[in-house]
Amino acid sequence: MSRAVYCKGRRGSAGFTIIEVLVALAVVAASLAAIGSLIATTVRGTRSLEQHLALVETARAIETGMPKREQLTVGNLSGEISGHRWRIDVLPFSVGGIGATEESPWVPRTIVIRVQSPTGAVLQLNTVRLQRRTGA
């Protein structure tokens, strides 16, 4: 008889209530939502980095293929590489009204390289290149 009483007392506390199951499911759902949000953010960041890297590599390829100093003229060049549109602007160098001096054998030129990806992202590199003065 004592055994039957023991089982009867335990029977009421065995298992989970519906409230406990719902709370556990809510915790699991919140955890999965947080993990999903983290994964989505990581994927967006990775895509952004890949796009920026493609722009930088295209700009490097364009810079490497630029005309030599002697062949560089004021004006612009443009084209397309792997779906990336690019443009090189060669301008006279001038900062605050200070230009090239006549006694120098070198003439500075402002070089602006602009690359646009197929998605519309733009990378612009500004640099200065020295060019030997003609007749010097």
N, C-alpha and C. Protein backbone atom coordinates (compact mmCIF):
# COMPACT_ATOMS: atom_id res chain seq x y z
N MET A 1 0.79 -1.19 0.00
CA MET A 1 0.00 0.00 0.00
C MET A 1 0.84 1.26 0.00
N SER A 2 1.91 1.17 0.66
CA SER A 2 2.75 2.35 0.69
C SER A 2 3.30 2.68 -0.70
N ARG A 3 3.46 1.69 -1.49
CA ARG A 3 3.95 1.92 -2.83
C ARG A 3 2.94 2.66 -3.68
N ALA A 4 1.73 2.33 -3.60
CA ALA A 4 0.66 2.97 -4.36
C ALA A 4 0.53 4.43 -3.97
N VAL A 5 0.72 4.72 -2.70
CA VAL A 5 0.63 6.10 -2.24
C VAL A 5 1.81 6.90 -2.79
N TYR A 6 2.96 6.29 -2.82
CA TYR A 6 4.15 6.97 -3.33
C TYR A 6 3.98 7.34 -4.80
N CYS A 7 3.49 6.41 -5.61
CA CYS A 7 3.30 6.67 -7.03
C CYS A 7 2.23 7.72 -7.25
N LYS A 8 1.21 7.69 -6.44
CA LYS A 8 0.13 8.65 -6.57
C LYS A 8 0.61 10.07 -6.29
N GLY A 9 1.49 10.23 -5.29
CA GLY A 9 2.02 11.54 -4.95
C GLY A 9 2.95 12.07 -6.04
N ARG A 10 3.68 11.22 -6.65
CA ARG A 10 4.63 11.61 -7.70
C ARG A 10 3.93 11.92 -9.01
N ARG A 11 2.85 11.32 -9.25
CA ARG A 11 2.13 11.44 -10.50
C ARG A 11 1.70 12.89 -10.77
N GLY A 12 1.37 13.64 -9.80
CA GLY A 12 0.94 15.02 -9.97
C GLY A 12 2.08 15.95 -10.34
N SER A 13 3.34 15.63 -10.03
CA SER A 13 4.46 16.52 -10.33
C SER A 13 5.30 16.05 -11.51
N ALA A 14 4.93 14.98 -12.18
CA ALA A 14 5.69 14.47 -13.32
C ALA A 14 5.32 15.27 -14.57
N GLY A 15 6.35 15.63 -15.42
CA GLY A 15 6.10 16.33 -16.67
C GLY A 15 6.12 17.83 -16.53
N PHE A 16 5.78 18.53 -17.62
CA PHE A 16 5.80 19.99 -17.67
C PHE A 16 4.38 20.50 -17.83
N THR A 17 4.16 21.68 -17.35
CA THR A 17 2.87 22.32 -17.57
C THR A 17 2.92 23.04 -18.92
N ILE A 18 1.78 23.40 -19.45
CA ILE A 18 1.72 24.08 -20.74
C ILE A 18 2.42 25.44 -20.66
N ILE A 19 2.38 26.11 -19.53
CA ILE A 19 3.05 27.40 -19.34
C ILE A 19 4.57 27.23 -19.45
N GLU A 20 5.09 26.19 -18.82
CA GLU A 20 6.53 25.95 -18.89
C GLU A 20 6.98 25.66 -20.32
N VAL A 21 6.20 24.91 -21.07
CA VAL A 21 6.52 24.61 -22.46
C VAL A 21 6.49 25.89 -23.30
N LEU A 22 5.48 26.73 -23.09
CA LEU A 22 5.38 27.99 -23.84
C LEU A 22 6.54 28.94 -23.53
N VAL A 23 6.94 29.00 -22.28
CA VAL A 23 8.08 29.85 -21.90
C VAL A 23 9.35 29.33 -22.56
N ALA A 24 9.55 28.02 -22.57
CA ALA A 24 10.74 27.43 -23.19
C ALA A 24 10.74 27.72 -24.71
N LEU A 25 9.59 27.59 -25.35
CA LEU A 25 9.50 27.89 -26.77
C LEU A 25 9.77 29.37 -27.06
N ALA A 26 9.30 30.24 -26.19
CA ALA A 26 9.55 31.68 -26.37
C ALA A 26 11.04 31.99 -26.26
N VAL A 27 11.72 31.36 -25.31
CA VAL A 27 13.16 31.57 -25.14
C VAL A 27 13.91 31.06 -26.38
N VAL A 28 13.53 29.90 -26.90
CA VAL A 28 14.17 29.34 -28.09
C VAL A 28 13.91 30.25 -29.29
N ALA A 29 12.68 30.75 -29.44
CA ALA A 29 12.36 31.63 -30.57
C ALA A 29 13.15 32.93 -30.49
N ALA A 30 13.29 33.51 -29.31
CA ALA A 30 14.06 34.74 -29.15
C ALA A 30 15.54 34.50 -29.47
N SER A 31 16.05 33.37 -29.04
CA SER A 31 17.45 33.03 -29.34
C SER A 31 17.68 32.85 -30.83
N LEU A 32 16.77 32.15 -31.50
CA LEU A 32 16.90 31.95 -32.95
C LEU A 32 16.77 33.27 -33.71
N ALA A 33 15.90 34.16 -33.25
CA ALA A 33 15.76 35.48 -33.90
C ALA A 33 17.05 36.29 -33.75
N ALA A 34 17.67 36.25 -32.59
CA ALA A 34 18.92 36.97 -32.36
C ALA A 34 20.04 36.39 -33.24
N ILE A 35 20.11 35.08 -33.34
CA ILE A 35 21.13 34.44 -34.18
C ILE A 35 20.89 34.79 -35.65
N GLY A 36 19.64 34.76 -36.09
CA GLY A 36 19.32 35.12 -37.48
C GLY A 36 19.69 36.55 -37.80
N SER A 37 19.44 37.46 -36.87
CA SER A 37 19.79 38.86 -37.06
C SER A 37 21.31 39.02 -37.15
N LEU A 38 22.04 38.32 -36.34
CA LEU A 38 23.50 38.37 -36.36
C LEU A 38 24.05 37.85 -37.69
N ILE A 39 23.47 36.76 -38.18
CA ILE A 39 23.91 36.20 -39.46
C ILE A 39 23.62 37.17 -40.60
N ALA A 40 22.44 37.80 -40.60
CA ALA A 40 22.09 38.75 -41.65
C ALA A 40 23.04 39.95 -41.65
N THR A 41 23.39 40.44 -40.48
CA THR A 41 24.32 41.56 -40.37
C THR A 41 25.70 41.17 -40.89
N THR A 42 26.13 39.97 -40.57
CA THR A 42 27.43 39.48 -41.02
C THR A 42 27.46 39.33 -42.53
N VAL A 43 26.39 38.83 -43.11
CA VAL A 43 26.32 38.66 -44.56
C VAL A 43 26.37 40.02 -45.26
N ARG A 44 25.63 41.01 -44.74
CA ARG A 44 25.66 42.35 -45.33
C ARG A 44 27.06 42.95 -45.24
N GLY A 45 27.71 42.80 -44.10
CA GLY A 45 29.07 43.31 -43.93
C GLY A 45 30.05 42.64 -44.88
N THR A 46 29.92 41.35 -45.06
CA THR A 46 30.80 40.61 -45.96
C THR A 46 30.60 41.08 -47.40
N ARG A 47 29.34 41.27 -47.80
CA ARG A 47 29.06 41.77 -49.15
C ARG A 47 29.66 43.15 -49.38
N SER A 48 29.53 44.00 -48.38
CA SER A 48 30.08 45.35 -48.48
C SER A 48 31.61 45.31 -48.63
N LEU A 49 32.26 44.47 -47.85
CA LEU A 49 33.72 44.34 -47.94
C LEU A 49 34.15 43.79 -49.30
N GLU A 50 33.42 42.80 -49.81
CA GLU A 50 33.75 42.23 -51.11
C GLU A 50 33.60 43.29 -52.21
N GLN A 51 32.56 44.09 -52.13
CA GLN A 51 32.34 45.14 -53.12
C GLN A 51 33.46 46.19 -53.05
N HIS A 52 33.83 46.59 -51.84
CA HIS A 52 34.90 47.57 -51.68
C HIS A 52 36.23 47.00 -52.20
N LEU A 53 36.50 45.75 -51.91
CA LEU A 53 37.73 45.12 -52.38
C LEU A 53 37.76 45.07 -53.91
N ALA A 54 36.63 44.77 -54.54
CA ALA A 54 36.57 44.75 -56.00
C ALA A 54 36.85 46.14 -56.57
N LEU A 55 36.31 47.18 -55.93
CA LEU A 55 36.57 48.55 -56.37
C LEU A 55 38.05 48.90 -56.23
N VAL A 56 38.65 48.57 -55.11
CA VAL A 56 40.06 48.88 -54.86
C VAL A 56 40.95 48.13 -55.86
N GLU A 57 40.67 46.86 -56.10
CA GLU A 57 41.49 46.10 -57.05
C GLU A 57 41.35 46.64 -58.47
N THR A 58 40.16 47.06 -58.84
CA THR A 58 39.97 47.66 -60.17
C THR A 58 40.74 48.97 -60.27
N ALA A 59 40.67 49.79 -59.21
CA ALA A 59 41.41 51.06 -59.20
C ALA A 59 42.92 50.80 -59.31
N ARG A 60 43.41 49.78 -58.63
CA ARG A 60 44.84 49.45 -58.72
C ARG A 60 45.21 49.01 -60.13
N ALA A 61 44.36 48.22 -60.75
CA ALA A 61 44.64 47.77 -62.12
C ALA A 61 44.67 48.95 -63.07
N ILE A 62 43.76 49.89 -62.88
CA ILE A 62 43.72 51.08 -63.74
C ILE A 62 44.96 51.94 -63.51
N GLU A 63 45.33 52.11 -62.25
CA GLU A 63 46.51 52.92 -61.93
C GLU A 63 47.77 52.29 -62.52
N THR A 64 47.84 50.98 -62.48
CA THR A 64 49.00 50.28 -63.04
C THR A 64 49.07 50.46 -64.55
N GLY A 65 47.91 50.50 -65.21
CA GLY A 65 47.88 50.63 -66.65
C GLY A 65 47.88 52.06 -67.17
N MET A 66 48.08 53.03 -66.27
CA MET A 66 48.11 54.43 -66.71
C MET A 66 49.29 54.69 -67.64
N PRO A 67 49.15 55.70 -68.51
CA PRO A 67 50.28 56.04 -69.40
C PRO A 67 51.51 56.44 -68.58
N LYS A 68 52.68 56.29 -69.19
CA LYS A 68 53.93 56.68 -68.52
C LYS A 68 53.97 58.19 -68.37
N ARG A 69 54.86 58.66 -67.52
CA ARG A 69 54.97 60.10 -67.25
C ARG A 69 55.09 60.93 -68.51
N GLU A 70 55.91 60.46 -69.44
CA GLU A 70 56.16 61.22 -70.66
C GLU A 70 54.93 61.33 -71.54
N GLN A 71 54.04 60.36 -71.44
CA GLN A 71 52.86 60.31 -72.30
C GLN A 71 51.62 60.90 -71.64
N LEU A 72 51.74 61.31 -70.40
CA LEU A 72 50.60 61.82 -69.64
C LEU A 72 50.27 63.25 -70.08
N THR A 73 49.03 63.47 -70.50
CA THR A 73 48.60 64.80 -70.92
C THR A 73 47.38 65.22 -70.11
N VAL A 74 47.20 66.53 -69.97
CA VAL A 74 46.04 67.04 -69.26
C VAL A 74 44.80 66.66 -70.07
N GLY A 75 43.81 66.12 -69.40
CA GLY A 75 42.58 65.66 -70.04
C GLY A 75 42.01 64.49 -69.26
N ASN A 76 41.26 63.64 -69.93
CA ASN A 76 40.71 62.48 -69.23
C ASN A 76 40.70 61.25 -70.12
N LEU A 77 40.69 60.11 -69.46
CA LEU A 77 40.59 58.81 -70.09
C LEU A 77 39.44 58.08 -69.41
N SER A 78 38.74 57.21 -70.11
CA SER A 78 37.67 56.45 -69.47
C SER A 78 37.55 55.10 -70.14
N GLY A 79 36.87 54.20 -69.45
CA GLY A 79 36.68 52.86 -69.98
C GLY A 79 35.89 52.00 -69.02
N GLU A 80 35.94 50.69 -69.26
CA GLU A 80 35.22 49.74 -68.43
C GLU A 80 36.04 48.46 -68.29
N ILE A 81 36.09 47.95 -67.06
CA ILE A 81 36.78 46.69 -66.78
C ILE A 81 35.84 45.84 -65.93
N SER A 82 35.50 44.67 -66.40
CA SER A 82 34.66 43.72 -65.65
C SER A 82 33.40 44.36 -65.10
N GLY A 83 32.77 45.19 -65.87
CA GLY A 83 31.53 45.83 -65.43
C GLY A 83 31.74 47.08 -64.60
N HIS A 84 32.97 47.38 -64.23
CA HIS A 84 33.29 48.59 -63.46
C HIS A 84 33.66 49.71 -64.44
N ARG A 85 32.92 50.80 -64.38
CA ARG A 85 33.25 51.95 -65.22
C ARG A 85 34.32 52.78 -64.51
N TRP A 86 35.27 53.29 -65.26
CA TRP A 86 36.35 54.09 -64.65
C TRP A 86 36.62 55.32 -65.49
N ARG A 87 37.22 56.28 -64.80
CA ARG A 87 37.61 57.53 -65.46
C ARG A 87 38.86 58.06 -64.76
N ILE A 88 39.83 58.51 -65.56
CA ILE A 88 41.05 59.15 -65.03
C ILE A 88 41.04 60.59 -65.52
N ASP A 89 41.11 61.53 -64.59
CA ASP A 89 41.23 62.95 -64.93
C ASP A 89 42.64 63.41 -64.59
N VAL A 90 43.32 64.00 -65.55
CA VAL A 90 44.65 64.57 -65.34
C VAL A 90 44.48 66.09 -65.40
N LEU A 91 44.78 66.75 -64.28
CA LEU A 91 44.55 68.19 -64.14
C LEU A 91 45.84 68.89 -63.74
N PRO A 92 45.96 70.18 -64.03
CA PRO A 92 47.09 70.94 -63.51
C PRO A 92 47.00 70.97 -61.98
N PHE A 93 48.14 70.86 -61.32
CA PHE A 93 48.17 70.87 -59.85
C PHE A 93 48.16 72.31 -59.34
N SER A 94 47.27 72.56 -58.41
CA SER A 94 47.20 73.89 -57.82
C SER A 94 46.58 73.77 -56.43
N VAL A 95 47.28 74.31 -55.44
CA VAL A 95 46.79 74.31 -54.06
C VAL A 95 46.85 75.73 -53.54
N GLY A 96 45.72 76.31 -53.22
CA GLY A 96 45.69 77.65 -52.66
C GLY A 96 46.34 78.69 -53.55
N GLY A 97 46.21 78.56 -54.84
CA GLY A 97 46.79 79.53 -55.76
C GLY A 97 48.25 79.31 -56.05
N ILE A 98 48.84 78.28 -55.44
CA ILE A 98 50.25 77.99 -55.68
C ILE A 98 50.33 76.94 -56.77
N GLY A 99 50.95 77.26 -57.86
CA GLY A 99 51.11 76.32 -58.97
C GLY A 99 52.55 75.89 -59.09
N ALA A 100 52.88 75.34 -60.24
CA ALA A 100 54.26 74.90 -60.48
C ALA A 100 55.15 76.12 -60.69
N THR A 101 56.35 76.06 -60.17
CA THR A 101 57.30 77.16 -60.37
C THR A 101 58.10 76.91 -61.64
N GLU A 102 58.52 77.98 -62.26
CA GLU A 102 59.24 77.89 -63.54
C GLU A 102 60.64 77.31 -63.40
N GLU A 103 61.28 77.47 -62.23
CA GLU A 103 62.65 77.00 -62.09
C GLU A 103 62.75 75.49 -61.84
N SER A 104 61.65 74.83 -61.56
CA SER A 104 61.67 73.40 -61.31
C SER A 104 61.61 72.62 -62.62
N PRO A 105 62.40 71.53 -62.72
CA PRO A 105 62.33 70.71 -63.95
C PRO A 105 61.09 69.80 -63.96
N TRP A 106 60.33 69.82 -62.87
CA TRP A 106 59.16 68.95 -62.75
C TRP A 106 57.87 69.76 -62.70
N VAL A 107 56.83 69.23 -63.30
CA VAL A 107 55.50 69.84 -63.27
C VAL A 107 54.57 68.85 -62.57
N PRO A 108 53.97 69.25 -61.43
CA PRO A 108 53.04 68.32 -60.77
C PRO A 108 51.69 68.29 -61.50
N ARG A 109 51.10 67.11 -61.56
CA ARG A 109 49.78 66.92 -62.17
C ARG A 109 48.88 66.22 -61.14
N THR A 110 47.67 66.71 -61.00
CA THR A 110 46.69 66.06 -60.14
C THR A 110 46.05 64.93 -60.93
N ILE A 111 46.04 63.75 -60.35
CA ILE A 111 45.44 62.58 -60.99
C ILE A 111 44.24 62.17 -60.13
N VAL A 112 43.07 62.09 -60.75
CA VAL A 112 41.86 61.64 -60.07
C VAL A 112 41.38 60.38 -60.78
N ILE A 113 41.36 59.27 -60.04
CA ILE A 113 40.87 58.00 -60.59
C ILE A 113 39.54 57.72 -59.92
N ARG A 114 38.50 57.54 -60.72
CA ARG A 114 37.15 57.29 -60.20
C ARG A 114 36.66 55.98 -60.79
N VAL A 115 36.24 55.05 -59.92
CA VAL A 115 35.75 53.75 -60.35
C VAL A 115 34.34 53.57 -59.79
N GLN A 116 33.42 53.12 -60.65
CA GLN A 116 32.04 52.89 -60.23
C GLN A 116 31.67 51.44 -60.52
N SER A 117 31.16 50.75 -59.50
CA SER A 117 30.79 49.35 -59.66
C SER A 117 29.43 49.24 -60.35
N PRO A 118 29.07 48.05 -60.80
CA PRO A 118 27.77 47.87 -61.43
C PRO A 118 26.60 48.18 -60.49
N THR A 119 26.82 48.07 -59.18
CA THR A 119 25.76 48.38 -58.21
C THR A 119 25.66 49.86 -57.90
N GLY A 120 26.63 50.65 -58.38
CA GLY A 120 26.58 52.09 -58.17
C GLY A 120 27.55 52.63 -57.13
N ALA A 121 28.23 51.76 -56.40
CA ALA A 121 29.22 52.22 -55.41
C ALA A 121 30.39 52.86 -56.14
N VAL A 122 30.95 53.91 -55.54
CA VAL A 122 32.03 54.68 -56.19
C VAL A 122 33.25 54.73 -55.28
N LEU A 123 34.42 54.60 -55.89
CA LEU A 123 35.69 54.79 -55.19
C LEU A 123 36.47 55.83 -55.98
N GLN A 124 37.01 56.82 -55.27
CA GLN A 124 37.79 57.86 -55.94
C GLN A 124 39.14 57.97 -55.26
N LEU A 125 40.19 57.92 -56.07
CA LEU A 125 41.56 58.09 -55.59
C LEU A 125 42.11 59.39 -56.15
N ASN A 126 42.68 60.21 -55.29
CA ASN A 126 43.32 61.47 -55.70
C ASN A 126 44.81 61.36 -55.38
N THR A 127 45.63 61.68 -56.36
CA THR A 127 47.07 61.63 -56.14
C THR A 127 47.74 62.69 -57.02
N VAL A 128 49.04 62.83 -56.84
CA VAL A 128 49.82 63.78 -57.63
C VAL A 128 50.95 63.01 -58.30
N ARG A 129 51.17 63.29 -59.58
CA ARG A 129 52.25 62.65 -60.31
C ARG A 129 53.13 63.74 -60.89
N LEU A 130 54.43 63.57 -60.75
CA LEU A 130 55.37 64.54 -61.31
C LEU A 130 55.68 64.17 -62.75
N GLN A 131 55.72 65.21 -63.57
CA GLN A 131 56.01 65.03 -64.98
C GLN A 131 57.17 65.96 -65.35
N ARG A 132 58.13 65.44 -66.08
CA ARG A 132 59.27 66.27 -66.47
C ARG A 132 58.80 67.38 -67.41
N ARG A 133 59.25 68.59 -67.09
CA ARG A 133 58.89 69.76 -67.89
C ARG A 133 59.48 69.60 -69.29
N THR A 134 58.70 69.90 -70.29
CA THR A 134 59.20 69.80 -71.67
C THR A 134 60.23 70.90 -71.91
N GLY A 135 61.31 70.55 -72.55
CA GLY A 135 62.38 71.53 -72.83
C GLY A 135 63.34 71.67 -71.66
N ALA A 136 63.22 70.85 -70.59
CA ALA A 136 64.12 70.96 -69.44
C ALA A 136 65.15 69.88 -69.47
